[in-house]
N, C-alpha and C. Protein backbone atom coordinates (compact mmCIF):
# COMPACT_ATOMS: atom_id res chain seq x y z
N MET A 1 45.51 -19.79 28.56
CA MET A 1 45.47 -20.50 27.30
C MET A 1 44.57 -21.73 27.45
N ALA A 2 43.65 -21.90 26.55
CA ALA A 2 42.72 -23.02 26.58
C ALA A 2 43.42 -24.31 26.18
N LEU A 3 43.00 -25.40 26.83
CA LEU A 3 43.54 -26.70 26.48
C LEU A 3 42.94 -27.15 25.15
N LYS A 4 43.74 -27.85 24.38
CA LYS A 4 43.28 -28.33 23.08
C LYS A 4 42.90 -29.81 23.17
N ALA A 5 42.10 -30.24 22.22
CA ALA A 5 41.71 -31.64 22.14
C ALA A 5 42.92 -32.50 21.80
N THR A 6 42.90 -33.73 22.30
CA THR A 6 43.92 -34.72 21.96
C THR A 6 43.36 -35.56 20.83
N ILE A 7 44.15 -35.77 19.80
CA ILE A 7 43.69 -36.51 18.62
C ILE A 7 44.12 -37.98 18.72
N PHE A 8 43.15 -38.86 18.51
CA PHE A 8 43.39 -40.30 18.47
C PHE A 8 42.96 -40.80 17.10
N LYS A 9 43.59 -41.86 16.64
CA LYS A 9 43.22 -42.51 15.37
C LYS A 9 42.84 -43.95 15.69
N ALA A 10 41.79 -44.42 15.04
CA ALA A 10 41.35 -45.81 15.20
C ALA A 10 41.06 -46.39 13.82
N ASN A 11 41.71 -47.47 13.50
CA ASN A 11 41.46 -48.21 12.28
C ASN A 11 40.71 -49.48 12.69
N ILE A 12 39.50 -49.65 12.20
CA ILE A 12 38.63 -50.73 12.66
C ILE A 12 38.17 -51.57 11.48
N GLN A 13 38.48 -52.85 11.52
CA GLN A 13 37.96 -53.81 10.55
C GLN A 13 36.66 -54.35 11.14
N LEU A 14 35.52 -53.95 10.57
CA LEU A 14 34.21 -54.26 11.14
C LEU A 14 33.47 -55.30 10.32
N SER A 15 33.01 -56.35 11.01
CA SER A 15 32.12 -57.35 10.43
C SER A 15 30.90 -57.43 11.33
N ASP A 16 29.82 -56.77 10.92
CA ASP A 16 28.59 -56.78 11.70
C ASP A 16 27.61 -57.72 11.01
N MET A 17 27.62 -58.98 11.46
CA MET A 17 26.79 -60.00 10.83
C MET A 17 25.32 -59.83 11.18
N ASP A 18 25.02 -59.15 12.28
CA ASP A 18 23.63 -58.90 12.66
C ASP A 18 22.94 -57.97 11.66
N ARG A 19 23.69 -57.01 11.12
CA ARG A 19 23.12 -56.03 10.18
C ARG A 19 23.64 -56.21 8.75
N ASN A 20 24.47 -57.22 8.52
CA ASN A 20 25.12 -57.43 7.21
C ASN A 20 25.86 -56.17 6.76
N TYR A 21 26.63 -55.61 7.70
CA TYR A 21 27.40 -54.40 7.44
C TYR A 21 28.88 -54.72 7.64
N TYR A 22 29.66 -54.53 6.58
CA TYR A 22 31.09 -54.84 6.61
C TYR A 22 31.84 -53.63 6.10
N ASP A 23 32.83 -53.17 6.86
CA ASP A 23 33.50 -51.94 6.49
C ASP A 23 34.85 -51.85 7.18
N THR A 24 35.70 -51.00 6.64
CA THR A 24 36.92 -50.59 7.31
C THR A 24 36.71 -49.14 7.72
N LEU A 25 36.68 -48.92 9.02
CA LEU A 25 36.43 -47.58 9.54
C LEU A 25 37.76 -46.95 9.93
N GLN A 26 38.03 -45.80 9.42
CA GLN A 26 39.23 -45.05 9.79
C GLN A 26 38.76 -43.79 10.50
N LEU A 27 38.76 -43.87 11.82
CA LEU A 27 38.20 -42.79 12.63
C LEU A 27 39.28 -41.89 13.18
N THR A 28 39.01 -40.60 13.16
CA THR A 28 39.83 -39.62 13.85
C THR A 28 38.97 -39.09 14.98
N ILE A 29 39.44 -39.29 16.21
CA ILE A 29 38.66 -38.93 17.38
C ILE A 29 39.34 -37.78 18.10
N ALA A 30 38.64 -36.69 18.26
CA ALA A 30 39.15 -35.55 19.03
C ALA A 30 38.62 -35.69 20.45
N GLN A 31 39.53 -35.95 21.38
CA GLN A 31 39.14 -36.11 22.77
C GLN A 31 39.20 -34.75 23.46
N HIS A 32 38.03 -34.23 23.82
CA HIS A 32 37.93 -32.95 24.53
C HIS A 32 38.72 -33.04 25.83
N PRO A 33 39.34 -31.95 26.27
CA PRO A 33 40.12 -32.00 27.52
C PRO A 33 39.34 -32.53 28.73
N SER A 34 38.02 -32.34 28.74
CA SER A 34 37.21 -32.82 29.87
C SER A 34 36.72 -34.26 29.68
N GLU A 35 36.98 -34.85 28.52
CA GLU A 35 36.50 -36.20 28.23
C GLU A 35 37.50 -37.23 28.73
N THR A 36 37.01 -38.24 29.43
CA THR A 36 37.87 -39.31 29.93
C THR A 36 38.13 -40.34 28.83
N ASP A 37 39.16 -41.16 29.03
CA ASP A 37 39.42 -42.27 28.11
C ASP A 37 38.22 -43.22 28.07
N LEU A 38 37.58 -43.41 29.21
CA LEU A 38 36.40 -44.28 29.29
C LEU A 38 35.30 -43.78 28.37
N ARG A 39 34.96 -42.51 28.45
CA ARG A 39 33.90 -41.96 27.60
C ARG A 39 34.28 -42.05 26.12
N MET A 40 35.54 -41.78 25.83
CA MET A 40 35.99 -41.85 24.44
C MET A 40 35.83 -43.27 23.89
N MET A 41 36.17 -44.27 24.69
CA MET A 41 36.04 -45.65 24.22
C MET A 41 34.56 -46.05 24.07
N VAL A 42 33.71 -45.58 24.97
CA VAL A 42 32.27 -45.83 24.82
C VAL A 42 31.76 -45.17 23.54
N ARG A 43 32.29 -44.00 23.25
CA ARG A 43 31.90 -43.29 22.01
C ARG A 43 32.31 -44.11 20.79
N ILE A 44 33.50 -44.69 20.82
CA ILE A 44 33.96 -45.52 19.70
C ILE A 44 33.09 -46.76 19.57
N ILE A 45 32.76 -47.41 20.68
CA ILE A 45 31.91 -48.60 20.63
C ILE A 45 30.51 -48.24 20.12
N ALA A 46 29.97 -47.12 20.55
CA ALA A 46 28.67 -46.67 20.04
C ALA A 46 28.74 -46.45 18.53
N PHE A 47 29.85 -45.90 18.07
CA PHE A 47 30.03 -45.70 16.63
C PHE A 47 30.03 -47.06 15.92
N ILE A 48 30.76 -48.02 16.45
CA ILE A 48 30.83 -49.36 15.85
C ILE A 48 29.45 -50.01 15.82
N LEU A 49 28.72 -49.93 16.92
CA LEU A 49 27.40 -50.57 17.00
C LEU A 49 26.38 -49.98 16.02
N ASN A 50 26.60 -48.73 15.62
CA ASN A 50 25.65 -48.04 14.74
C ASN A 50 26.28 -47.62 13.42
N ALA A 51 27.41 -48.22 13.07
CA ALA A 51 28.17 -47.81 11.89
C ALA A 51 27.27 -47.68 10.66
N ASN A 52 27.48 -46.58 9.98
CA ASN A 52 26.73 -46.25 8.78
C ASN A 52 27.55 -45.21 8.03
N GLU A 53 27.44 -45.16 6.73
CA GLU A 53 28.25 -44.20 5.97
C GLU A 53 27.94 -42.75 6.33
N ASN A 54 26.77 -42.48 6.91
CA ASN A 54 26.40 -41.11 7.28
C ASN A 54 26.56 -40.81 8.76
N LEU A 55 27.03 -41.78 9.55
CA LEU A 55 27.22 -41.56 10.98
C LEU A 55 28.49 -40.73 11.19
N GLN A 56 28.40 -39.76 12.08
CA GLN A 56 29.56 -38.92 12.36
C GLN A 56 29.59 -38.50 13.82
N PHE A 57 30.77 -38.14 14.28
CA PHE A 57 30.91 -37.62 15.63
C PHE A 57 30.37 -36.20 15.68
N GLY A 58 29.63 -35.90 16.73
CA GLY A 58 29.19 -34.54 16.98
C GLY A 58 30.12 -33.92 18.01
N LYS A 59 29.85 -32.69 18.36
CA LYS A 59 30.69 -32.02 19.35
C LYS A 59 30.31 -32.43 20.77
N GLY A 60 29.09 -32.94 20.95
CA GLY A 60 28.65 -33.52 22.21
C GLY A 60 29.09 -32.85 23.48
N VAL A 61 30.32 -33.08 23.92
CA VAL A 61 30.81 -32.56 25.19
C VAL A 61 30.89 -31.04 25.19
N SER A 62 31.33 -30.47 24.08
CA SER A 62 31.58 -29.03 24.06
C SER A 62 30.44 -28.20 23.46
N ASP A 63 29.40 -28.84 22.94
CA ASP A 63 28.29 -28.11 22.32
C ASP A 63 26.98 -28.80 22.69
N GLU A 64 26.16 -28.13 23.46
CA GLU A 64 24.90 -28.73 23.93
C GLU A 64 23.89 -28.95 22.81
N ASP A 65 24.09 -28.31 21.65
CA ASP A 65 23.16 -28.47 20.55
C ASP A 65 23.50 -29.65 19.64
N GLU A 66 24.58 -30.36 19.95
CA GLU A 66 24.98 -31.50 19.14
C GLU A 66 25.04 -32.76 19.98
N ALA A 67 24.84 -33.87 19.31
CA ALA A 67 24.91 -35.18 19.94
C ALA A 67 26.36 -35.64 20.04
N ALA A 68 26.58 -36.69 20.80
CA ALA A 68 27.90 -37.32 20.82
C ALA A 68 28.18 -37.93 19.45
N LEU A 69 27.15 -38.54 18.87
CA LEU A 69 27.19 -39.09 17.51
C LEU A 69 25.84 -38.82 16.89
N TRP A 70 25.86 -38.63 15.58
CA TRP A 70 24.58 -38.51 14.90
C TRP A 70 24.71 -38.89 13.44
N GLN A 71 23.55 -39.25 12.90
CA GLN A 71 23.47 -39.65 11.51
C GLN A 71 22.42 -38.78 10.84
N MET A 72 22.86 -38.10 9.79
CA MET A 72 21.94 -37.23 9.05
C MET A 72 21.74 -37.78 7.65
N ASN A 73 20.55 -37.54 7.11
CA ASN A 73 20.31 -37.94 5.73
C ASN A 73 20.73 -36.80 4.80
N TYR A 74 20.51 -36.97 3.53
CA TYR A 74 20.95 -35.98 2.55
C TYR A 74 20.16 -34.67 2.61
N ALA A 75 19.01 -34.70 3.27
CA ALA A 75 18.21 -33.48 3.45
C ALA A 75 18.59 -32.77 4.76
N GLU A 76 19.68 -33.22 5.39
CA GLU A 76 20.18 -32.64 6.66
C GLU A 76 19.21 -32.86 7.82
N GLU A 77 18.34 -33.88 7.70
CA GLU A 77 17.46 -34.25 8.81
C GLU A 77 18.22 -35.26 9.68
N ILE A 78 18.04 -35.16 10.98
CA ILE A 78 18.74 -36.07 11.89
C ILE A 78 17.96 -37.37 11.99
N GLU A 79 18.54 -38.43 11.45
CA GLU A 79 17.90 -39.74 11.51
C GLU A 79 18.16 -40.42 12.85
N LEU A 80 19.39 -40.28 13.37
CA LEU A 80 19.77 -40.94 14.61
C LEU A 80 20.60 -39.99 15.47
N TRP A 81 20.22 -39.85 16.72
CA TRP A 81 20.93 -39.02 17.70
C TRP A 81 21.40 -39.96 18.80
N ILE A 82 22.69 -40.00 19.08
CA ILE A 82 23.23 -40.89 20.10
C ILE A 82 23.86 -40.07 21.22
N GLU A 83 23.45 -40.36 22.44
CA GLU A 83 24.00 -39.74 23.64
C GLU A 83 24.72 -40.79 24.47
N LEU A 84 25.65 -40.34 25.32
CA LEU A 84 26.43 -41.22 26.15
C LEU A 84 26.34 -40.77 27.60
N GLY A 85 26.33 -41.71 28.52
CA GLY A 85 26.37 -41.38 29.93
C GLY A 85 25.00 -41.38 30.58
N GLN A 86 24.87 -40.60 31.62
CA GLN A 86 23.63 -40.51 32.39
C GLN A 86 23.03 -39.13 32.16
N VAL A 87 22.32 -39.03 31.06
CA VAL A 87 21.82 -37.76 30.54
C VAL A 87 20.48 -37.41 31.19
N ASP A 88 20.24 -36.12 31.39
CA ASP A 88 18.97 -35.72 31.98
C ASP A 88 17.86 -35.75 30.93
N SER A 89 16.62 -35.80 31.42
CA SER A 89 15.46 -35.95 30.53
C SER A 89 15.25 -34.75 29.63
N LYS A 90 15.70 -33.55 30.03
CA LYS A 90 15.56 -32.37 29.18
C LYS A 90 16.37 -32.52 27.90
N ARG A 91 17.58 -33.05 28.03
CA ARG A 91 18.43 -33.25 26.84
C ARG A 91 17.84 -34.33 25.94
N ILE A 92 17.31 -35.37 26.54
CA ILE A 92 16.69 -36.45 25.77
C ILE A 92 15.44 -35.93 25.05
N LYS A 93 14.65 -35.10 25.72
CA LYS A 93 13.46 -34.53 25.08
C LYS A 93 13.86 -33.70 23.87
N LYS A 94 14.91 -32.90 24.02
CA LYS A 94 15.41 -32.08 22.91
C LYS A 94 15.84 -32.97 21.75
N ALA A 95 16.56 -34.05 22.06
CA ALA A 95 17.01 -34.98 21.02
C ALA A 95 15.82 -35.64 20.32
N CYS A 96 14.83 -36.07 21.10
CA CYS A 96 13.65 -36.72 20.52
C CYS A 96 12.84 -35.77 19.64
N ASN A 97 12.86 -34.48 19.97
CA ASN A 97 12.15 -33.50 19.14
C ASN A 97 12.88 -33.22 17.84
N ARG A 98 14.19 -33.47 17.80
CA ARG A 98 14.98 -33.14 16.62
C ARG A 98 15.31 -34.34 15.74
N ALA A 99 15.24 -35.56 16.28
CA ALA A 99 15.69 -36.74 15.53
C ALA A 99 14.58 -37.77 15.37
N ASN A 100 14.73 -38.62 14.36
CA ASN A 100 13.78 -39.70 14.13
C ASN A 100 13.94 -40.82 15.15
N GLU A 101 15.19 -41.03 15.63
CA GLU A 101 15.50 -42.08 16.60
C GLU A 101 16.59 -41.57 17.53
N VAL A 102 16.48 -41.93 18.82
CA VAL A 102 17.46 -41.51 19.82
C VAL A 102 17.92 -42.74 20.59
N LYS A 103 19.25 -42.87 20.74
CA LYS A 103 19.83 -43.96 21.53
C LYS A 103 20.70 -43.35 22.62
N LEU A 104 20.61 -43.95 23.79
CA LEU A 104 21.42 -43.53 24.92
C LEU A 104 22.20 -44.75 25.40
N TYR A 105 23.52 -44.61 25.46
CA TYR A 105 24.39 -45.66 25.97
C TYR A 105 24.91 -45.21 27.33
N CYS A 106 24.51 -45.91 28.38
CA CYS A 106 24.90 -45.57 29.75
C CYS A 106 26.10 -46.40 30.17
N TYR A 107 26.93 -45.81 31.01
CA TYR A 107 28.09 -46.52 31.55
C TYR A 107 28.43 -45.93 32.91
N GLY A 108 29.16 -46.67 33.69
CA GLY A 108 29.58 -46.19 35.00
C GLY A 108 28.92 -46.96 36.13
N SER A 109 29.47 -46.80 37.32
CA SER A 109 29.00 -47.56 38.48
C SER A 109 27.69 -47.04 39.06
N SER A 110 27.27 -45.84 38.68
CA SER A 110 26.05 -45.27 39.27
C SER A 110 24.84 -45.31 38.34
N VAL A 111 24.91 -46.12 37.28
CA VAL A 111 23.80 -46.18 36.32
C VAL A 111 22.51 -46.65 36.99
N ASP A 112 22.59 -47.66 37.85
CA ASP A 112 21.38 -48.18 38.49
C ASP A 112 20.68 -47.11 39.32
N THR A 113 21.43 -46.31 40.05
CA THR A 113 20.86 -45.23 40.85
C THR A 113 20.22 -44.18 39.94
N TRP A 114 20.95 -43.78 38.89
CA TRP A 114 20.43 -42.81 37.92
C TRP A 114 19.14 -43.33 37.30
N TRP A 115 19.14 -44.60 36.88
CA TRP A 115 17.99 -45.17 36.20
C TRP A 115 16.77 -45.20 37.11
N SER A 116 16.97 -45.52 38.38
CA SER A 116 15.83 -45.55 39.30
C SER A 116 15.21 -44.16 39.46
N GLN A 117 15.98 -43.13 39.26
CA GLN A 117 15.49 -41.75 39.39
C GLN A 117 14.82 -41.23 38.13
N VAL A 118 15.24 -41.69 36.95
CA VAL A 118 14.74 -41.10 35.69
C VAL A 118 13.90 -42.04 34.84
N ALA A 119 13.74 -43.28 35.23
CA ALA A 119 13.05 -44.27 34.39
C ALA A 119 11.65 -43.80 33.97
N GLY A 120 10.90 -43.27 34.91
CA GLY A 120 9.55 -42.81 34.60
C GLY A 120 9.52 -41.73 33.54
N LYS A 121 10.41 -40.76 33.65
CA LYS A 121 10.48 -39.67 32.67
C LYS A 121 10.94 -40.19 31.31
N MET A 122 11.90 -41.10 31.31
CA MET A 122 12.46 -41.60 30.04
C MET A 122 11.45 -42.45 29.27
N ARG A 123 10.57 -43.13 29.98
CA ARG A 123 9.60 -44.00 29.31
C ARG A 123 8.59 -43.23 28.47
N GLN A 124 8.49 -41.92 28.65
CA GLN A 124 7.53 -41.12 27.87
C GLN A 124 8.02 -40.85 26.45
N PHE A 125 9.28 -41.13 26.16
CA PHE A 125 9.83 -40.83 24.83
C PHE A 125 9.80 -42.09 23.97
N ASP A 126 8.89 -42.11 22.99
CA ASP A 126 8.75 -43.32 22.17
C ASP A 126 9.87 -43.52 21.16
N LYS A 127 10.66 -42.51 20.88
CA LYS A 127 11.77 -42.63 19.93
C LYS A 127 13.06 -43.10 20.61
N LEU A 128 13.02 -43.28 21.92
CA LEU A 128 14.22 -43.51 22.71
C LEU A 128 14.46 -44.98 23.03
N SER A 129 15.72 -45.41 22.90
CA SER A 129 16.16 -46.70 23.44
C SER A 129 17.39 -46.44 24.30
N ILE A 130 17.50 -47.21 25.39
CA ILE A 130 18.60 -47.03 26.34
C ILE A 130 19.27 -48.37 26.59
N GLU A 131 20.60 -48.39 26.48
CA GLU A 131 21.38 -49.58 26.76
C GLU A 131 22.49 -49.24 27.74
N GLN A 132 22.85 -50.22 28.57
CA GLN A 132 23.85 -50.01 29.61
C GLN A 132 25.05 -50.92 29.37
N PHE A 133 26.25 -50.34 29.51
CA PHE A 133 27.48 -51.11 29.45
C PHE A 133 27.85 -51.58 30.84
N ASP A 134 28.37 -52.79 30.95
CA ASP A 134 28.86 -53.34 32.20
C ASP A 134 30.15 -52.61 32.60
N VAL A 135 30.33 -52.36 33.89
CA VAL A 135 31.50 -51.64 34.39
C VAL A 135 32.80 -52.38 34.07
N ALA A 136 32.81 -53.69 34.25
CA ALA A 136 34.02 -54.47 33.95
C ALA A 136 34.39 -54.37 32.47
N THR A 137 33.40 -54.35 31.62
CA THR A 137 33.64 -54.23 30.18
C THR A 137 34.25 -52.88 29.83
N THR A 138 33.67 -51.81 30.35
CA THR A 138 34.20 -50.49 30.02
C THR A 138 35.59 -50.29 30.61
N ASN A 139 35.86 -50.87 31.77
CA ASN A 139 37.22 -50.81 32.32
C ASN A 139 38.21 -51.53 31.42
N ALA A 140 37.79 -52.67 30.86
CA ALA A 140 38.66 -53.41 29.94
C ALA A 140 38.91 -52.61 28.66
N LEU A 141 37.91 -51.85 28.22
CA LEU A 141 38.08 -51.03 27.02
C LEU A 141 39.13 -49.94 27.22
N THR A 142 39.18 -49.37 28.41
CA THR A 142 40.17 -48.31 28.64
C THR A 142 41.60 -48.83 28.58
N ASP A 143 41.78 -50.13 28.82
CA ASP A 143 43.12 -50.72 28.71
C ASP A 143 43.61 -50.74 27.26
N LEU A 144 42.72 -50.58 26.31
CA LEU A 144 43.07 -50.63 24.88
C LEU A 144 43.42 -49.26 24.30
N VAL A 145 43.30 -48.20 25.10
CA VAL A 145 43.51 -46.84 24.60
C VAL A 145 44.98 -46.59 24.27
N SER A 146 45.19 -46.09 23.07
CA SER A 146 46.50 -45.56 22.66
C SER A 146 46.22 -44.53 21.57
N ARG A 147 47.19 -43.71 21.27
CA ARG A 147 46.97 -42.63 20.28
C ARG A 147 46.61 -43.19 18.91
N THR A 148 47.16 -44.35 18.56
CA THR A 148 46.82 -45.03 17.32
C THR A 148 46.33 -46.42 17.68
N MET A 149 45.08 -46.72 17.33
CA MET A 149 44.48 -48.00 17.72
C MET A 149 44.10 -48.80 16.47
N GLU A 150 44.33 -50.08 16.53
CA GLU A 150 43.95 -51.03 15.47
C GLU A 150 43.02 -52.05 16.10
N PHE A 151 41.80 -52.15 15.56
CA PHE A 151 40.82 -53.08 16.11
C PHE A 151 40.27 -53.99 15.02
N GLN A 152 40.05 -55.24 15.39
CA GLN A 152 39.26 -56.18 14.61
C GLN A 152 37.95 -56.31 15.39
N CYS A 153 36.84 -56.14 14.71
CA CYS A 153 35.56 -56.13 15.41
C CYS A 153 34.57 -57.04 14.70
N SER A 154 33.97 -57.91 15.48
CA SER A 154 32.98 -58.83 14.95
C SER A 154 31.71 -58.72 15.81
N ILE A 155 30.57 -58.55 15.15
CA ILE A 155 29.30 -58.47 15.86
C ILE A 155 28.40 -59.58 15.34
N GLN A 156 27.92 -60.41 16.28
CA GLN A 156 27.00 -61.47 15.91
C GLN A 156 26.14 -61.82 17.12
N ASP A 157 24.84 -61.98 16.89
CA ASP A 157 23.89 -62.33 17.95
C ASP A 157 23.97 -61.37 19.14
N GLY A 158 24.13 -60.07 18.84
CA GLY A 158 24.15 -59.06 19.87
C GLY A 158 25.45 -58.97 20.66
N GLN A 159 26.43 -59.77 20.30
CA GLN A 159 27.73 -59.73 20.98
C GLN A 159 28.75 -59.05 20.08
N LEU A 160 29.49 -58.12 20.67
CA LEU A 160 30.55 -57.43 19.95
C LEU A 160 31.88 -57.91 20.51
N TRP A 161 32.70 -58.49 19.66
CA TRP A 161 34.04 -58.94 20.05
C TRP A 161 35.02 -57.95 19.46
N LEU A 162 35.78 -57.29 20.33
CA LEU A 162 36.75 -56.28 19.92
C LEU A 162 38.14 -56.81 20.24
N THR A 163 38.98 -56.92 19.20
CA THR A 163 40.33 -57.43 19.38
C THR A 163 41.33 -56.36 18.99
N SER A 164 42.33 -56.20 19.87
CA SER A 164 43.43 -55.29 19.62
C SER A 164 44.70 -56.01 20.04
N GLY A 165 45.52 -56.39 19.05
CA GLY A 165 46.72 -57.15 19.36
C GLY A 165 46.35 -58.47 20.00
N ASP A 166 46.87 -58.74 21.20
CA ASP A 166 46.59 -59.98 21.91
C ASP A 166 45.39 -59.88 22.84
N ASN A 167 44.78 -58.71 22.92
CA ASN A 167 43.65 -58.48 23.83
C ASN A 167 42.32 -58.55 23.10
N THR A 168 41.38 -59.28 23.69
CA THR A 168 40.03 -59.35 23.15
C THR A 168 39.04 -59.04 24.26
N VAL A 169 38.07 -58.19 23.94
CA VAL A 169 37.06 -57.77 24.90
C VAL A 169 35.68 -58.10 24.33
N LEU A 170 34.86 -58.78 25.13
CA LEU A 170 33.47 -59.02 24.75
C LEU A 170 32.66 -57.84 25.26
N VAL A 171 31.95 -57.17 24.35
CA VAL A 171 31.12 -56.03 24.71
C VAL A 171 29.66 -56.39 24.50
N GLU A 172 28.92 -56.41 25.59
CA GLU A 172 27.49 -56.64 25.51
C GLU A 172 26.81 -55.51 26.28
N THR A 173 25.60 -55.19 25.88
CA THR A 173 24.84 -54.17 26.60
C THR A 173 23.59 -54.79 27.20
N LYS A 174 23.11 -54.16 28.23
CA LYS A 174 21.85 -54.54 28.85
C LYS A 174 20.82 -53.50 28.46
N LYS A 175 19.71 -53.94 27.90
CA LYS A 175 18.67 -53.01 27.45
C LYS A 175 17.86 -52.54 28.66
N LEU A 176 17.83 -51.22 28.85
CA LEU A 176 17.04 -50.63 29.92
C LEU A 176 15.68 -50.16 29.40
N LEU A 177 15.64 -49.72 28.15
CA LEU A 177 14.41 -49.21 27.56
C LEU A 177 14.43 -49.44 26.06
């Protein structure tokens, strides 16, 4: 019998002053059996950083033809393709051929090693931007995981402040490309 996805709910009060975007996001997140809490939280943060009425979760982990997150316009064209982790250049090339813009959010302790190996290949994609999450930050995010999550989120000057109950986490990324 195949394992089923675990369903999480996140209610997010978002104030993104950098983009003048204010919304209440009610997300239902299906966590694939192979997806860690860490990846799921990075996926939620990527959603927050790129929030848009047309942004949606893709199948990502379970379907190689879909992004972790993507935004399509009304003509079903992919405006934004978002990947997570340390993705190979073949997948990025595929994303760049299909989307107007591609973002990669890297996380984990081996990002520097991965980046030293793929930087040259990644620089050839003009539609691509890459940002890295700090390990301590992503570890703090996993402490906030519960089946039902309530977040207050404020973004200003490139800093994302995520509050859940008495816990607040500062989320910043380092631009690699």
